[in-house]
Amino acid sequence: MAKEGSEKNTKNKAKHARLMAQKKNKKKEEASLRKARLKAIIQKSNEAQR
């Protein structure tokens, strides 16, 4: 027989997926910001050497 009532785990799975995506996006954003800052520092250093 099929279960009656609401499905068991869908709310928790959706919440977990959303939180994990949020975490992944935060890491990606931090990495890109760091890369941009390093690029700016290197460019400034190169300009100072010339």
C-alpha atoms as a PDB file:
ATOM      1  CA  MET A   1       0.000   0.000   0.000  1.00  0.00           C
ATOM      2  CA  ALA A   2       1.083   3.530  -0.723  1.00  0.00           C
ATOM      3  CA  LYS A   3       1.728   5.938   2.100  1.00  0.00           C
ATOM      4  CA  GLU A   4      -0.918   8.506   2.877  1.00  0.00           C
ATOM      5  CA  GLY A   5      -0.202  12.076   3.826  1.00  0.00           C
ATOM      6  CA  SER A   6       2.694  14.321   2.904  1.00  0.00           C
ATOM      7  CA  GLU A   7       5.877  13.010   1.391  1.00  0.00           C
ATOM      8  CA  LYS A   8       8.594  12.241   3.867  1.00  0.00           C
ATOM      9  CA  ASN A   9      11.807  14.079   3.104  1.00  0.00           C
ATOM     10  CA  THR A  10      11.199  16.649   0.389  1.00  0.00           C
ATOM     11  CA  LYS A  11      11.302  19.750   2.597  1.00  0.00           C
ATOM     12  CA  ASN A  12      14.582  18.804   4.237  1.00  0.00           C
ATOM     13  CA  LYS A  13      16.139  17.829   0.906  1.00  0.00           C
ATOM     14  CA  ALA A  14      15.109  21.118  -0.687  1.00  0.00           C
ATOM     15  CA  LYS A  15      16.468  23.101   2.256  1.00  0.00           C
ATOM     16  CA  HIS A  16      19.728  21.172   2.233  1.00  0.00           C
ATOM     17  CA  ALA A  17      20.164  21.618  -1.512  1.00  0.00           C
ATOM     18  CA  ARG A  18      19.542  25.357  -1.180  1.00  0.00           C
ATOM     19  CA  LEU A  19      22.025  25.719   1.663  1.00  0.00           C
ATOM     20  CA  MET A  20      24.704  23.700  -0.136  1.00  0.00           C
ATOM     21  CA  ALA A  21      24.245  25.784  -3.286  1.00  0.00           C
ATOM     22  CA  GLN A  22      24.543  28.929  -1.182  1.00  0.00           C
ATOM     23  CA  LYS A  23      27.784  27.636   0.347  1.00  0.00           C
ATOM     24  CA  LYS A  24      29.205  26.694  -3.054  1.00  0.00           C
ATOM     25  CA  ASN A  25      28.326  30.096  -4.532  1.00  0.00           C
ATOM     26  CA  LYS A  26      29.939  31.860  -1.578  1.00  0.00           C
ATOM     27  CA  LYS A  27      33.192  29.909  -2.084  1.00  0.00           C
ATOM     28  CA  LYS A  28      33.153  30.672  -5.810  1.00  0.00           C
ATOM     29  CA  GLU A  29      32.556  34.391  -5.169  1.00  0.00           C
ATOM     30  CA  GLU A  30      35.370  34.568  -2.587  1.00  0.00           C
ATOM     31  CA  ALA A  31      37.751  32.841  -4.985  1.00  0.00           C
ATOM     32  CA  SER A  32      36.947  35.251  -7.813  1.00  0.00           C
ATOM     33  CA  LEU A  33      37.345  38.283  -5.532  1.00  0.00           C
ATOM     34  CA  ARG A  34      40.699  37.006  -4.303  1.00  0.00           C
ATOM     35  CA  LYS A  35      41.833  36.400  -7.875  1.00  0.00           C
ATOM     36  CA  ALA A  36      40.814  39.931  -8.864  1.00  0.00           C
ATOM     37  CA  ARG A  37      42.653  41.458  -5.905  1.00  0.00           C
ATOM     38  CA  LEU A  38      45.823  39.506  -6.700  1.00  0.00           C
ATOM     39  CA  LYS A  39      45.596  40.559 -10.326  1.00  0.00           C
ATOM     40  CA  ALA A  40      45.308  44.213  -9.274  1.00  0.00           C
ATOM     41  CA  ILE A  41      48.291  43.901  -6.926  1.00  0.00           C
ATOM     42  CA  ILE A  42      50.426  42.278  -9.636  1.00  0.00           C
ATOM     43  CA  GLN A  43      49.430  44.949 -12.146  1.00  0.00           C
ATOM     44  CA  LYS A  44      50.268  47.728  -9.680  1.00  0.00           C
ATOM     45  CA  SER A  45      53.627  46.077  -8.940  1.00  0.00           C
ATOM     46  CA  ASN A  46      54.437  45.832 -12.634  1.00  0.00           C
ATOM     47  CA  GLU A  47      53.577  49.493 -13.126  1.00  0.00           C
ATOM     48  CA  ALA A  48      55.863  50.474 -10.228  1.00  0.00           C
ATOM     49  CA  GLN A  49      58.788  48.511 -11.695  1.00  0.00           C
ATOM     50  CA  ARG A  50      58.600  50.306 -15.041  1.00  0.00           C
END
